Amino acid sequence: MKDGYKWVGFQYEFTGNIYSLGQIPKCKSTMLKYLKPGQKLLVAGAGHGTEAIRAAQMGVNVTAVDLSATMLKHLNARLDKCSGIKAPMTCINDDIFNIQDTEKYDMVIANFFLNVFPEKRVDEVANHLATLVKPGGYFVVGEFVLPEKGFAGLLQKLNWYLAILMYSATTEAALHPVHDYARLVRGSGCDIESIEYFRIMGLNLYWSILGKKKSA
């Protein structure tokens, strides 16, 4: 299984934190407040596990999935050093499409994960993730915000392209315009319950979208 982050995965969490002045870690964890101890969470593209570890400290049963063995190595290293873990965490090194636990999870989180995929594939990925959510459960997407019009939009695009140019050059991430993540959440069969924005100098740069899956 090819590891696209083998040579750059070590710095992923650090550079994201620095690049966003701490806003990306906040974005990743903000929707965990909708979970209760004992519930089940799947984190797709878990990376170093910021939100996965925080959820386990809350008593949530976490499944962390990442195609990169390098990323999961760093997640497990962080997990070993963390205190206050109240629930088990299962780490799976695999393609997310091989996870077929239909309607198993109270929440599925895709933070800075869908942006890896090209426009022709991202709908398929979002739709698959939504199938893993229980009816009435939550599908959360944290990402670069969809650019507005005018000068603010130019700055938002600049923020996105600086990041994706670096990662498309060093990993297998696709180079593309910012996806409309709110549309993806709705298209997956979820109603948007809440959106939280994360700003630098008053400019919206990241957002976390909470979608609730429609009941059968």
N, C-alpha and C. Protein backbone atom coordinates (compact mmCIF):
# COMPACT_ATOMS: atom_id res chain seq x y z
N MET A 1 0.85 -1.19 0.00
CA MET A 1 0.00 0.00 0.00
C MET A 1 0.89 1.25 0.00
N LYS A 2 0.73 2.10 -0.99
CA LYS A 2 1.59 3.27 -1.13
C LYS A 2 1.29 4.31 -0.06
N ASP A 3 2.35 4.85 0.53
CA ASP A 3 2.23 5.85 1.58
C ASP A 3 2.65 7.20 1.04
N GLY A 4 1.67 8.03 0.67
CA GLY A 4 1.97 9.32 0.07
C GLY A 4 2.56 10.33 1.03
N TYR A 5 2.55 10.02 2.34
CA TYR A 5 3.07 10.95 3.34
C TYR A 5 4.33 10.42 4.03
N LYS A 6 4.96 9.43 3.41
CA LYS A 6 6.10 8.77 4.03
C LYS A 6 7.21 9.75 4.40
N TRP A 7 7.48 10.71 3.50
CA TRP A 7 8.61 11.62 3.72
C TRP A 7 8.21 12.95 4.32
N VAL A 8 6.93 13.29 4.31
CA VAL A 8 6.51 14.60 4.82
C VAL A 8 5.55 14.51 5.99
N GLY A 9 5.11 13.29 6.34
CA GLY A 9 4.11 13.14 7.39
C GLY A 9 4.56 13.62 8.75
N PHE A 10 5.86 13.60 9.01
CA PHE A 10 6.37 13.99 10.33
C PHE A 10 6.04 15.43 10.69
N GLN A 11 5.92 16.30 9.66
CA GLN A 11 5.72 17.72 9.94
C GLN A 11 4.29 18.19 9.69
N TYR A 12 3.41 17.27 9.34
CA TYR A 12 2.05 17.62 8.91
C TYR A 12 1.30 18.44 9.96
N GLU A 13 1.25 17.94 11.19
CA GLU A 13 0.49 18.61 12.24
C GLU A 13 1.13 19.95 12.61
N PHE A 14 2.44 19.95 12.71
CA PHE A 14 3.16 21.16 13.11
C PHE A 14 2.97 22.29 12.10
N THR A 15 3.17 21.97 10.81
CA THR A 15 3.07 23.02 9.80
C THR A 15 1.64 23.51 9.65
N GLY A 16 0.65 22.61 9.79
CA GLY A 16 -0.75 23.05 9.73
C GLY A 16 -1.09 24.01 10.85
N ASN A 17 -0.57 23.74 12.02
CA ASN A 17 -0.80 24.60 13.17
C ASN A 17 -0.16 25.97 12.96
N ILE A 18 1.09 25.97 12.52
CA ILE A 18 1.80 27.22 12.30
C ILE A 18 1.17 28.01 11.16
N TYR A 19 0.88 27.33 10.06
CA TYR A 19 0.33 27.98 8.87
C TYR A 19 -0.98 28.68 9.18
N SER A 20 -1.81 28.04 10.02
CA SER A 20 -3.14 28.58 10.31
C SER A 20 -3.18 29.38 11.60
N LEU A 21 -2.03 29.62 12.20
CA LEU A 21 -1.95 30.32 13.49
C LEU A 21 -2.86 29.67 14.53
N GLY A 22 -2.88 28.34 14.53
CA GLY A 22 -3.64 27.59 15.52
C GLY A 22 -5.10 27.37 15.21
N GLN A 23 -5.57 27.85 14.06
CA GLN A 23 -6.99 27.74 13.74
C GLN A 23 -7.39 26.35 13.24
N ILE A 24 -6.50 25.66 12.54
CA ILE A 24 -6.85 24.33 12.03
C ILE A 24 -7.10 23.33 13.17
N PRO A 25 -6.26 23.25 14.21
CA PRO A 25 -6.59 22.35 15.32
C PRO A 25 -7.93 22.66 15.98
N LYS A 26 -8.26 23.93 16.11
CA LYS A 26 -9.55 24.31 16.68
C LYS A 26 -10.70 23.85 15.77
N CYS A 27 -10.50 24.03 14.48
CA CYS A 27 -11.51 23.62 13.51
C CYS A 27 -11.76 22.11 13.59
N LYS A 28 -10.69 21.34 13.77
CA LYS A 28 -10.80 19.89 13.79
C LYS A 28 -11.63 19.36 14.94
N SER A 29 -11.59 20.03 16.06
CA SER A 29 -12.21 19.50 17.28
C SER A 29 -13.53 20.14 17.65
N THR A 30 -13.93 21.18 16.97
CA THR A 30 -15.05 21.98 17.45
C THR A 30 -16.37 21.22 17.52
N MET A 31 -16.64 20.30 16.61
CA MET A 31 -17.93 19.61 16.59
C MET A 31 -17.99 18.38 17.50
N LEU A 32 -16.91 18.09 18.21
CA LEU A 32 -16.93 16.98 19.15
C LEU A 32 -17.93 17.20 20.28
N LYS A 33 -18.31 18.43 20.50
CA LYS A 33 -19.26 18.73 21.57
C LYS A 33 -20.63 18.11 21.33
N TYR A 34 -20.88 17.64 20.13
CA TYR A 34 -22.16 16.99 19.83
C TYR A 34 -22.13 15.49 20.13
N LEU A 35 -21.01 14.99 20.64
CA LEU A 35 -20.89 13.59 20.99
C LEU A 35 -20.99 13.38 22.50
N LYS A 36 -21.43 12.17 22.88
CA LYS A 36 -21.52 11.79 24.29
C LYS A 36 -20.62 10.59 24.55
N PRO A 37 -20.15 10.43 25.79
CA PRO A 37 -19.35 9.24 26.12
C PRO A 37 -20.08 7.96 25.73
N GLY A 38 -19.32 7.03 25.18
CA GLY A 38 -19.88 5.76 24.77
C GLY A 38 -20.35 5.71 23.34
N GLN A 39 -20.48 6.88 22.69
CA GLN A 39 -20.88 6.89 21.29
C GLN A 39 -19.69 6.53 20.40
N LYS A 40 -19.99 6.28 19.12
CA LYS A 40 -18.97 5.81 18.18
C LYS A 40 -18.64 6.88 17.15
N LEU A 41 -17.35 7.11 16.98
CA LEU A 41 -16.84 8.12 16.05
C LEU A 41 -15.86 7.48 15.10
N LEU A 42 -15.98 7.78 13.81
CA LEU A 42 -14.96 7.43 12.83
C LEU A 42 -14.31 8.70 12.32
N VAL A 43 -12.99 8.73 12.32
CA VAL A 43 -12.23 9.86 11.78
C VAL A 43 -11.54 9.38 10.51
N ALA A 44 -11.93 9.95 9.37
CA ALA A 44 -11.36 9.58 8.08
C ALA A 44 -10.14 10.46 7.79
N GLY A 45 -9.04 9.83 7.39
CA GLY A 45 -7.81 10.60 7.18
C GLY A 45 -7.36 11.21 8.49
N ALA A 46 -7.19 10.36 9.51
CA ALA A 46 -7.01 10.84 10.88
C ALA A 46 -5.71 11.60 11.10
N GLY A 47 -4.71 11.39 10.24
CA GLY A 47 -3.46 12.12 10.42
C GLY A 47 -2.83 11.84 11.77
N HIS A 48 -2.39 12.90 12.45
CA HIS A 48 -1.76 12.75 13.76
C HIS A 48 -2.78 12.63 14.89
N GLY A 49 -4.07 12.72 14.55
CA GLY A 49 -5.10 12.36 15.52
C GLY A 49 -5.57 13.42 16.48
N THR A 50 -5.49 14.69 16.11
CA THR A 50 -5.91 15.76 17.02
C THR A 50 -7.31 15.53 17.56
N GLU A 51 -8.29 15.37 16.67
CA GLU A 51 -9.67 15.21 17.10
C GLU A 51 -9.95 13.81 17.62
N ALA A 52 -9.24 12.80 17.08
CA ALA A 52 -9.42 11.42 17.53
C ALA A 52 -9.02 11.27 18.99
N ILE A 53 -7.87 11.82 19.35
CA ILE A 53 -7.39 11.72 20.73
C ILE A 53 -8.28 12.52 21.67
N ARG A 54 -8.69 13.69 21.25
CA ARG A 54 -9.59 14.50 22.10
C ARG A 54 -10.90 13.76 22.35
N ALA A 55 -11.43 13.10 21.34
CA ALA A 55 -12.68 12.35 21.51
C ALA A 55 -12.49 11.19 22.47
N ALA A 56 -11.36 10.48 22.37
CA ALA A 56 -11.09 9.36 23.28
C ALA A 56 -10.97 9.85 24.71
N GLN A 57 -10.45 11.05 24.89
CA GLN A 57 -10.38 11.64 26.24
C GLN A 57 -11.77 11.99 26.77
N MET A 58 -12.72 12.18 25.87
CA MET A 58 -14.10 12.46 26.26
C MET A 58 -14.88 11.17 26.55
N GLY A 59 -14.29 10.01 26.28
CA GLY A 59 -14.99 8.76 26.49
C GLY A 59 -15.71 8.24 25.28
N VAL A 60 -15.39 8.79 24.10
CA VAL A 60 -16.00 8.36 22.84
C VAL A 60 -15.17 7.21 22.27
N ASN A 61 -15.84 6.20 21.73
CA ASN A 61 -15.16 5.07 21.09
C ASN A 61 -14.75 5.47 19.67
N VAL A 62 -13.47 5.54 19.41
CA VAL A 62 -12.94 6.12 18.18
C VAL A 62 -12.35 5.06 17.27
N THR A 63 -12.70 5.17 15.98
CA THR A 63 -12.01 4.43 14.93
C THR A 63 -11.31 5.45 14.05
N ALA A 64 -9.98 5.35 13.99
CA ALA A 64 -9.17 6.29 13.21
C ALA A 64 -8.65 5.56 11.98
N VAL A 65 -8.97 6.09 10.80
CA VAL A 65 -8.60 5.44 9.54
C VAL A 65 -7.67 6.35 8.75
N ASP A 66 -6.57 5.80 8.27
CA ASP A 66 -5.67 6.58 7.41
C ASP A 66 -4.95 5.63 6.47
N LEU A 67 -4.82 6.02 5.23
CA LEU A 67 -4.10 5.23 4.24
C LEU A 67 -2.60 5.26 4.48
N SER A 68 -2.14 6.29 5.21
CA SER A 68 -0.72 6.48 5.47
C SER A 68 -0.30 5.82 6.77
N ALA A 69 0.58 4.82 6.69
CA ALA A 69 1.13 4.19 7.89
C ALA A 69 1.96 5.20 8.69
N THR A 70 2.58 6.14 7.98
CA THR A 70 3.37 7.17 8.64
C THR A 70 2.51 8.01 9.56
N MET A 71 1.36 8.43 9.06
CA MET A 71 0.44 9.24 9.87
C MET A 71 -0.01 8.48 11.11
N LEU A 72 -0.37 7.21 10.94
CA LEU A 72 -0.83 6.43 12.09
C LEU A 72 0.29 6.17 13.09
N LYS A 73 1.52 6.08 12.61
CA LYS A 73 2.66 5.94 13.52
C LYS A 73 2.75 7.16 14.44
N HIS A 74 2.57 8.35 13.87
CA HIS A 74 2.63 9.56 14.67
C HIS A 74 1.42 9.67 15.59
N LEU A 75 0.26 9.23 15.12
CA LEU A 75 -0.94 9.23 15.97
C LEU A 75 -0.71 8.34 17.19
N ASN A 76 -0.21 7.13 16.97
CA ASN A 76 0.00 6.21 18.08
C ASN A 76 1.07 6.71 19.04
N ALA A 77 2.08 7.39 18.52
CA ALA A 77 3.11 7.97 19.39
C ALA A 77 2.51 9.04 20.28
N ARG A 78 1.62 9.85 19.73
CA ARG A 78 0.95 10.88 20.54
C ARG A 78 0.02 10.23 21.55
N LEU A 79 -0.68 9.20 21.12
CA LEU A 79 -1.62 8.51 21.99
C LEU A 79 -0.92 7.92 23.21
N ASP A 80 0.26 7.38 22.99
CA ASP A 80 1.03 6.78 24.09
C ASP A 80 1.43 7.81 25.15
N LYS A 81 1.54 9.06 24.74
CA LYS A 81 1.98 10.11 25.66
C LYS A 81 0.81 10.84 26.32
N CYS A 82 -0.42 10.55 25.85
CA CYS A 82 -1.59 11.29 26.34
C CYS A 82 -2.13 10.66 27.62
N SER A 83 -2.61 11.51 28.49
CA SER A 83 -3.29 11.04 29.70
C SER A 83 -4.79 11.27 29.55
N GLY A 84 -5.55 10.61 30.39
CA GLY A 84 -7.00 10.85 30.43
C GLY A 84 -7.78 10.18 29.32
N ILE A 85 -7.20 9.17 28.67
CA ILE A 85 -7.93 8.43 27.65
C ILE A 85 -8.97 7.56 28.33
N LYS A 86 -10.23 7.76 27.99
CA LYS A 86 -11.33 7.10 28.69
C LYS A 86 -12.04 6.04 27.86
N ALA A 87 -11.67 5.90 26.61
CA ALA A 87 -12.34 4.93 25.74
C ALA A 87 -11.33 4.39 24.74
N PRO A 88 -11.59 3.20 24.21
CA PRO A 88 -10.64 2.59 23.28
C PRO A 88 -10.58 3.30 21.93
N MET A 89 -9.42 3.23 21.30
CA MET A 89 -9.28 3.74 19.94
C MET A 89 -8.75 2.62 19.05
N THR A 90 -9.41 2.45 17.92
CA THR A 90 -8.97 1.48 16.92
C THR A 90 -8.36 2.22 15.75
N CYS A 91 -7.11 1.90 15.40
CA CYS A 91 -6.43 2.55 14.28
C CYS A 91 -6.36 1.58 13.11
N ILE A 92 -6.82 2.01 11.95
CA ILE A 92 -6.88 1.16 10.77
C ILE A 92 -6.09 1.80 9.63
N ASN A 93 -5.09 1.08 9.14
CA ASN A 93 -4.28 1.54 8.01
C ASN A 93 -4.89 0.95 6.73
N ASP A 94 -5.76 1.73 6.08
CA ASP A 94 -6.48 1.20 4.93
C ASP A 94 -7.13 2.33 4.15
N ASP A 95 -7.56 2.01 2.95
CA ASP A 95 -8.34 2.91 2.11
C ASP A 95 -9.73 3.05 2.73
N ILE A 96 -10.23 4.26 2.79
CA ILE A 96 -11.54 4.49 3.43
C ILE A 96 -12.65 3.71 2.73
N PHE A 97 -12.50 3.41 1.45
CA PHE A 97 -13.54 2.66 0.74
C PHE A 97 -13.60 1.20 1.18
N ASN A 98 -12.58 0.74 1.86
CA ASN A 98 -12.61 -0.62 2.40
C ASN A 98 -13.31 -0.70 3.75
N ILE A 99 -13.68 0.45 4.28
CA ILE A 99 -14.47 0.48 5.52
C ILE A 99 -15.94 0.43 5.12
N GLN A 100 -16.58 -0.67 5.44
CA GLN A 100 -17.95 -0.91 4.98
C GLN A 100 -18.93 -1.04 6.15
N ASP A 101 -18.67 -0.34 7.23
CA ASP A 101 -19.53 -0.41 8.42
C ASP A 101 -20.73 0.51 8.24
N THR A 102 -21.63 0.11 7.39
CA THR A 102 -22.78 0.94 7.05
C THR A 102 -23.62 1.29 8.28
N GLU A 103 -23.88 2.58 8.44
CA GLU A 103 -24.75 3.11 9.50
C GLU A 103 -24.32 2.67 10.90
N LYS A 104 -23.02 2.61 11.12
CA LYS A 104 -22.49 2.16 12.42
C LYS A 104 -22.18 3.31 13.37
N TYR A 105 -21.82 4.48 12.82
CA TYR A 105 -21.21 5.53 13.64
C TYR A 105 -22.19 6.67 13.95
N ASP A 106 -22.05 7.18 15.18
CA ASP A 106 -22.84 8.35 15.58
C ASP A 106 -22.31 9.61 14.91
N MET A 107 -21.03 9.61 14.58
CA MET A 107 -20.43 10.74 13.87
C MET A 107 -19.29 10.23 13.01
N VAL A 108 -19.20 10.76 11.80
CA VAL A 108 -18.04 10.55 10.93
C VAL A 108 -17.44 11.92 10.65
N ILE A 109 -16.15 12.04 10.90
CA ILE A 109 -15.45 13.31 10.69
C ILE A 109 -14.47 13.17 9.52
N ALA A 110 -14.51 14.14 8.62
CA ALA A 110 -13.54 14.24 7.53
C ALA A 110 -12.94 15.64 7.58
N ASN A 111 -11.89 15.78 8.35
CA ASN A 111 -11.23 17.07 8.51
C ASN A 111 -10.01 17.17 7.61
N PHE A 112 -10.03 18.13 6.70
CA PHE A 112 -8.90 18.36 5.80
C PHE A 112 -8.50 17.05 5.12
N PHE A 113 -9.53 16.32 4.72
CA PHE A 113 -9.39 15.03 4.06
C PHE A 113 -9.97 15.06 2.66
N LEU A 114 -11.14 15.63 2.51
CA LEU A 114 -11.77 15.68 1.19
C LEU A 114 -10.98 16.53 0.21
N ASN A 115 -10.20 17.48 0.73
CA ASN A 115 -9.41 18.34 -0.18
C ASN A 115 -8.30 17.59 -0.90
N VAL A 116 -8.01 16.36 -0.47
CA VAL A 116 -6.99 15.55 -1.14
C VAL A 116 -7.47 15.07 -2.51
N PHE A 117 -8.80 14.98 -2.69
CA PHE A 117 -9.37 14.34 -3.87
C PHE A 117 -9.71 15.35 -4.97
N PRO A 118 -9.59 14.94 -6.24
CA PRO A 118 -9.95 15.82 -7.35
C PRO A 118 -11.46 15.99 -7.45
N GLU A 119 -11.86 16.97 -8.21
CA GLU A 119 -13.29 17.28 -8.35
C GLU A 119 -14.10 16.10 -8.86
N LYS A 120 -13.54 15.29 -9.74
CA LYS A 120 -14.27 14.17 -10.32
C LYS A 120 -14.49 13.02 -9.34
N ARG A 121 -13.80 13.06 -8.19
CA ARG A 121 -13.89 11.94 -7.24
C ARG A 121 -14.46 12.33 -5.89
N VAL A 122 -14.44 13.60 -5.55
CA VAL A 122 -14.75 14.01 -4.18
C VAL A 122 -16.19 13.70 -3.78
N ASP A 123 -17.14 13.79 -4.72
CA ASP A 123 -18.53 13.45 -4.40
C ASP A 123 -18.65 12.00 -3.96
N GLU A 124 -17.95 11.12 -4.66
CA GLU A 124 -17.98 9.69 -4.34
C GLU A 124 -17.47 9.44 -2.92
N VAL A 125 -16.41 10.13 -2.55
CA VAL A 125 -15.82 9.94 -1.22
C VAL A 125 -16.78 10.44 -0.14
N ALA A 126 -17.33 11.64 -0.34
CA ALA A 126 -18.27 12.19 0.64
C ALA A 126 -19.50 11.30 0.80
N ASN A 127 -20.02 10.80 -0.31
CA ASN A 127 -21.20 9.95 -0.25
C ASN A 127 -20.91 8.65 0.49
N HIS A 128 -19.71 8.09 0.27
CA HIS A 128 -19.35 6.87 0.99
C HIS A 128 -19.26 7.11 2.49
N LEU A 129 -18.62 8.20 2.88
CA LEU A 129 -18.50 8.52 4.30
C LEU A 129 -19.87 8.64 4.96
N ALA A 130 -20.81 9.24 4.25
CA ALA A 130 -22.15 9.42 4.81
C ALA A 130 -22.86 8.08 5.01
N THR A 131 -22.54 7.07 4.21
CA THR A 131 -23.17 5.76 4.40
C THR A 131 -22.76 5.13 5.72
N LEU A 132 -21.65 5.55 6.30
CA LEU A 132 -21.16 4.99 7.55
C LEU A 132 -21.86 5.60 8.77
N VAL A 133 -22.60 6.68 8.56
CA VAL A 133 -23.28 7.40 9.64
C VAL A 133 -24.65 6.79 9.91
N LYS A 134 -24.98 6.63 11.18
CA LYS A 134 -26.32 6.17 11.55
C LYS A 134 -27.36 7.21 11.13
N PRO A 135 -28.58 6.79 10.78
CA PRO A 135 -29.65 7.77 10.57
C PRO A 135 -29.80 8.64 11.82
N GLY A 136 -29.83 9.93 11.63
CA GLY A 136 -29.89 10.85 12.76
C GLY A 136 -28.53 11.21 13.33
N GLY A 137 -27.45 10.55 12.81
CA GLY A 137 -26.09 10.86 13.25
C GLY A 137 -25.50 12.01 12.47
N TYR A 138 -24.22 12.29 12.70
CA TYR A 138 -23.60 13.49 12.17
C TYR A 138 -22.45 13.17 11.21
N PHE A 139 -22.39 13.95 10.16
CA PHE A 139 -21.28 13.94 9.21
C PHE A 139 -20.63 15.32 9.28
N VAL A 140 -19.37 15.36 9.68
CA VAL A 140 -18.67 16.63 9.91
C VAL A 140 -17.55 16.78 8.90
N VAL A 141 -17.48 17.95 8.29
CA VAL A 141 -16.40 18.27 7.36
C VAL A 141 -15.75 19.58 7.80
N GLY A 142 -14.46 19.52 8.13
CA GLY A 142 -13.69 20.72 8.44
C GLY A 142 -12.71 20.97 7.29
N GLU A 143 -12.70 22.19 6.78
CA GLU A 143 -11.93 22.44 5.55
C GLU A 143 -11.59 23.92 5.36
N PHE A 144 -10.91 24.18 4.25
CA PHE A 144 -10.70 25.55 3.77
C PHE A 144 -12.04 26.08 3.29
N VAL A 145 -12.33 27.30 3.66
CA VAL A 145 -13.64 27.87 3.38
C VAL A 145 -13.82 28.13 1.88
N LEU A 146 -15.05 28.02 1.41
CA LEU A 146 -15.36 28.36 0.03
C LEU A 146 -15.18 29.86 -0.16
N PRO A 147 -14.35 30.29 -1.11
CA PRO A 147 -14.07 31.72 -1.25
C PRO A 147 -15.30 32.57 -1.53
N GLU A 148 -15.32 33.75 -0.93
CA GLU A 148 -16.37 34.72 -1.17
C GLU A 148 -16.02 35.53 -2.43
N LYS A 149 -16.83 36.52 -2.71
CA LYS A 149 -16.53 37.42 -3.81
C LYS A 149 -15.66 38.57 -3.30
N GLY A 150 -14.99 39.23 -4.22
CA GLY A 150 -14.22 40.40 -3.87
C GLY A 150 -12.85 40.11 -3.29
N PHE A 151 -12.31 41.11 -2.58
CA PHE A 151 -10.95 41.02 -2.06
C PHE A 151 -10.80 39.91 -1.04
N ALA A 152 -11.83 39.72 -0.18
CA ALA A 152 -11.77 38.64 0.81
C ALA A 152 -11.61 37.29 0.13
N GLY A 153 -12.33 37.11 -0.98
CA GLY A 153 -12.23 35.86 -1.71
C GLY A 153 -10.85 35.62 -2.29
N LEU A 154 -10.19 36.68 -2.72
CA LEU A 154 -8.83 36.55 -3.24
C LEU A 154 -7.88 36.07 -2.15
N LEU A 155 -8.04 36.61 -0.95
CA LEU A 155 -7.20 36.18 0.16
C LEU A 155 -7.50 34.74 0.56
N GLN A 156 -8.77 34.36 0.52
CA GLN A 156 -9.15 32.98 0.84
C GLN A 156 -8.57 32.00 -0.19
N LYS A 157 -8.61 32.39 -1.45
CA LYS A 157 -8.02 31.54 -2.50
C LYS A 157 -6.51 31.44 -2.31
N LEU A 158 -5.87 32.55 -1.98
CA LEU A 158 -4.42 32.55 -1.76
C LEU A 158 -4.06 31.59 -0.62
N ASN A 159 -4.83 31.64 0.45
CA ASN A 159 -4.59 30.75 1.59
C ASN A 159 -4.69 29.28 1.16
N TRP A 160 -5.69 28.97 0.33
CA TRP A 160 -5.87 27.60 -0.15
C TRP A 160 -4.75 27.18 -1.09
N TYR A 161 -4.45 28.00 -2.07
CA TYR A 161 -3.49 27.58 -3.09
C TYR A 161 -2.06 27.49 -2.56
N LEU A 162 -1.71 28.32 -1.60
CA LEU A 162 -0.39 28.17 -0.99
C LEU A 162 -0.25 26.80 -0.33
N ALA A 163 -1.32 26.37 0.33
CA ALA A 163 -1.30 25.07 1.00
C ALA A 163 -1.31 23.91 0.01
N ILE A 164 -2.23 23.94 -0.95
CA ILE A 164 -2.38 22.79 -1.84
C ILE A 164 -1.21 22.69 -2.82
N LEU A 165 -0.60 23.79 -3.18
CA LEU A 165 0.57 23.71 -4.05
C LEU A 165 1.71 22.98 -3.36
N MET A 166 1.87 23.23 -2.07
CA MET A 166 2.92 22.53 -1.33
C MET A 166 2.60 21.04 -1.23
N TYR A 167 1.35 20.70 -0.89
CA TYR A 167 1.02 19.29 -0.68
C TYR A 167 0.86 18.52 -1.98
N SER A 168 0.43 19.17 -3.04
CA SER A 168 0.34 18.45 -4.31
C SER A 168 1.74 18.17 -4.88
N ALA A 169 2.71 19.01 -4.47
CA ALA A 169 4.08 18.80 -4.92
C ALA A 169 4.81 17.72 -4.12
N THR A 170 4.37 17.49 -2.88
CA THR A 170 5.09 16.57 -2.00
C THR A 170 4.32 15.30 -1.65
N THR A 171 3.02 15.26 -1.96
CA THR A 171 2.20 14.08 -1.68
C THR A 171 1.36 13.78 -2.92
N GLU A 172 0.36 12.92 -2.76
CA GLU A 172 -0.52 12.59 -3.87
C GLU A 172 -1.80 13.43 -3.86
N ALA A 173 -1.83 14.49 -3.08
CA ALA A 173 -3.00 15.38 -3.05
C ALA A 173 -3.20 16.01 -4.42
N ALA A 174 -4.46 16.12 -4.85
CA ALA A 174 -4.78 16.70 -6.16
C ALA A 174 -4.82 18.22 -6.09
N LEU A 175 -4.36 18.85 -7.16
CA LEU A 175 -4.43 20.31 -7.27
C LEU A 175 -5.75 20.68 -7.92
N HIS A 176 -6.56 21.49 -7.23
CA HIS A 176 -7.90 21.83 -7.71
C HIS A 176 -8.40 23.08 -7.00
N PRO A 177 -9.43 23.73 -7.52
CA PRO A 177 -10.05 24.83 -6.79
C PRO A 177 -10.69 24.33 -5.50
N VAL A 178 -11.06 25.23 -4.61
CA VAL A 178 -11.70 24.85 -3.35
C VAL A 178 -13.04 24.17 -3.65
N HIS A 179 -13.24 23.00 -3.09
CA HIS A 179 -14.52 22.31 -3.24
C HIS A 179 -15.61 23.07 -2.47
N ASP A 180 -16.84 22.90 -2.92
CA ASP A 180 -17.99 23.43 -2.18
C ASP A 180 -18.40 22.35 -1.17
N TYR A 181 -17.83 22.43 0.01
CA TYR A 181 -18.03 21.37 1.00
C TYR A 181 -19.44 21.35 1.56
N ALA A 182 -20.09 22.49 1.64
CA ALA A 182 -21.48 22.50 2.09
C ALA A 182 -22.36 21.73 1.10
N ARG A 183 -22.09 21.90 -0.18
CA ARG A 183 -22.84 21.16 -1.20
C ARG A 183 -22.58 19.67 -1.06
N LEU A 184 -21.35 19.29 -0.79
CA LEU A 184 -21.02 17.87 -0.64
C LEU A 184 -21.76 17.25 0.55
N VAL A 185 -21.84 17.99 1.64
CA VAL A 185 -22.55 17.47 2.82
C VAL A 185 -24.03 17.29 2.51
N ARG A 186 -24.62 18.29 1.88
CA ARG A 186 -26.05 18.18 1.51
C ARG A 186 -26.27 17.05 0.52
N GLY A 187 -25.38 16.95 -0.45
CA GLY A 187 -25.51 15.93 -1.49
C GLY A 187 -25.38 14.52 -0.97
N SER A 188 -24.76 14.37 0.20
CA SER A 188 -24.58 13.04 0.79
C SER A 188 -25.80 12.57 1.57
N GLY A 189 -26.84 13.41 1.61
CA GLY A 189 -28.06 13.04 2.32
C GLY A 189 -28.16 13.59 3.73
N CYS A 190 -27.42 14.67 4.00
CA CYS A 190 -27.42 15.28 5.33
C CYS A 190 -27.94 16.72 5.26
N ASP A 191 -28.66 17.12 6.29
CA ASP A 191 -29.06 18.51 6.44
C ASP A 191 -28.01 19.24 7.26
N ILE A 192 -27.66 20.45 6.87
CA ILE A 192 -26.66 21.20 7.61
C ILE A 192 -27.29 21.80 8.87
N GLU A 193 -26.76 21.38 10.01
CA GLU A 193 -27.27 21.83 11.31
C GLU A 193 -26.52 23.06 11.81
N SER A 194 -25.22 23.13 11.51
CA SER A 194 -24.41 24.23 12.03
C SER A 194 -23.16 24.39 11.20
N ILE A 195 -22.67 25.62 11.10
CA ILE A 195 -21.37 25.92 10.49
C ILE A 195 -20.63 26.86 11.43
N GLU A 196 -19.39 26.52 11.72
CA GLU A 196 -18.53 27.39 12.52
C GLU A 196 -17.32 27.80 11.69
N TYR A 197 -17.00 29.09 11.76
CA TYR A 197 -15.90 29.65 10.98
C TYR A 197 -14.70 29.92 11.88
N PHE A 198 -13.52 29.83 11.29
CA PHE A 198 -12.29 30.08 12.01
C PHE A 198 -11.50 31.12 11.23
N ARG A 199 -11.13 32.18 11.93
CA ARG A 199 -10.67 33.40 11.27
C ARG A 199 -9.25 33.75 11.66
N ILE A 200 -8.59 34.46 10.77
CA ILE A 200 -7.33 35.13 11.05
C ILE A 200 -7.50 36.58 10.65
N MET A 201 -7.30 37.46 11.60
CA MET A 201 -7.49 38.91 11.39
C MET A 201 -8.87 39.21 10.81
N GLY A 202 -9.88 38.51 11.31
CA GLY A 202 -11.26 38.75 10.91
C GLY A 202 -11.68 38.11 9.60
N LEU A 203 -10.76 37.42 8.93
CA LEU A 203 -11.07 36.81 7.64
C LEU A 203 -11.39 35.33 7.83
N ASN A 204 -12.55 34.90 7.33
CA ASN A 204 -12.92 33.48 7.38
C ASN A 204 -11.98 32.68 6.48
N LEU A 205 -11.25 31.73 7.08
CA LEU A 205 -10.33 30.91 6.29
C LEU A 205 -10.65 29.42 6.36
N TYR A 206 -11.25 28.99 7.46
CA TYR A 206 -11.59 27.58 7.64
C TYR A 206 -13.01 27.49 8.20
N TRP A 207 -13.67 26.38 7.90
CA TRP A 207 -15.01 26.18 8.46
C TRP A 207 -15.22 24.72 8.79
N SER A 208 -16.05 24.50 9.79
CA SER A 208 -16.46 23.16 10.16
C SER A 208 -17.96 23.07 9.95
N ILE A 209 -18.37 22.10 9.14
CA ILE A 209 -19.77 21.96 8.74
C ILE A 209 -20.33 20.71 9.42
N LEU A 210 -21.41 20.89 10.18
CA LEU A 210 -22.07 19.79 10.87
C LEU A 210 -23.31 19.41 10.09
N GLY A 211 -23.27 18.23 9.47
CA GLY A 211 -24.43 17.72 8.77
C GLY A 211 -25.11 16.63 9.57
N LYS A 212 -26.42 16.62 9.58
CA LYS A 212 -27.17 15.58 10.28
C LYS A 212 -27.84 14.69 9.25
N LYS A 213 -27.55 13.39 9.34
CA LYS A 213 -28.10 12.45 8.37
C LYS A 213 -29.59 12.27 8.57
N LYS A 214 -30.30 12.31 7.46
CA LYS A 214 -31.75 12.17 7.54
C LYS A 214 -32.14 10.78 8.04
N SER A 215 -33.14 10.73 8.89
CA SER A 215 -33.62 9.45 9.40
C SER A 215 -34.37 8.70 8.32
N ALA A 216 -34.33 7.39 8.41
CA ALA A 216 -34.99 6.57 7.40
C ALA A 216 -36.50 6.76 7.44
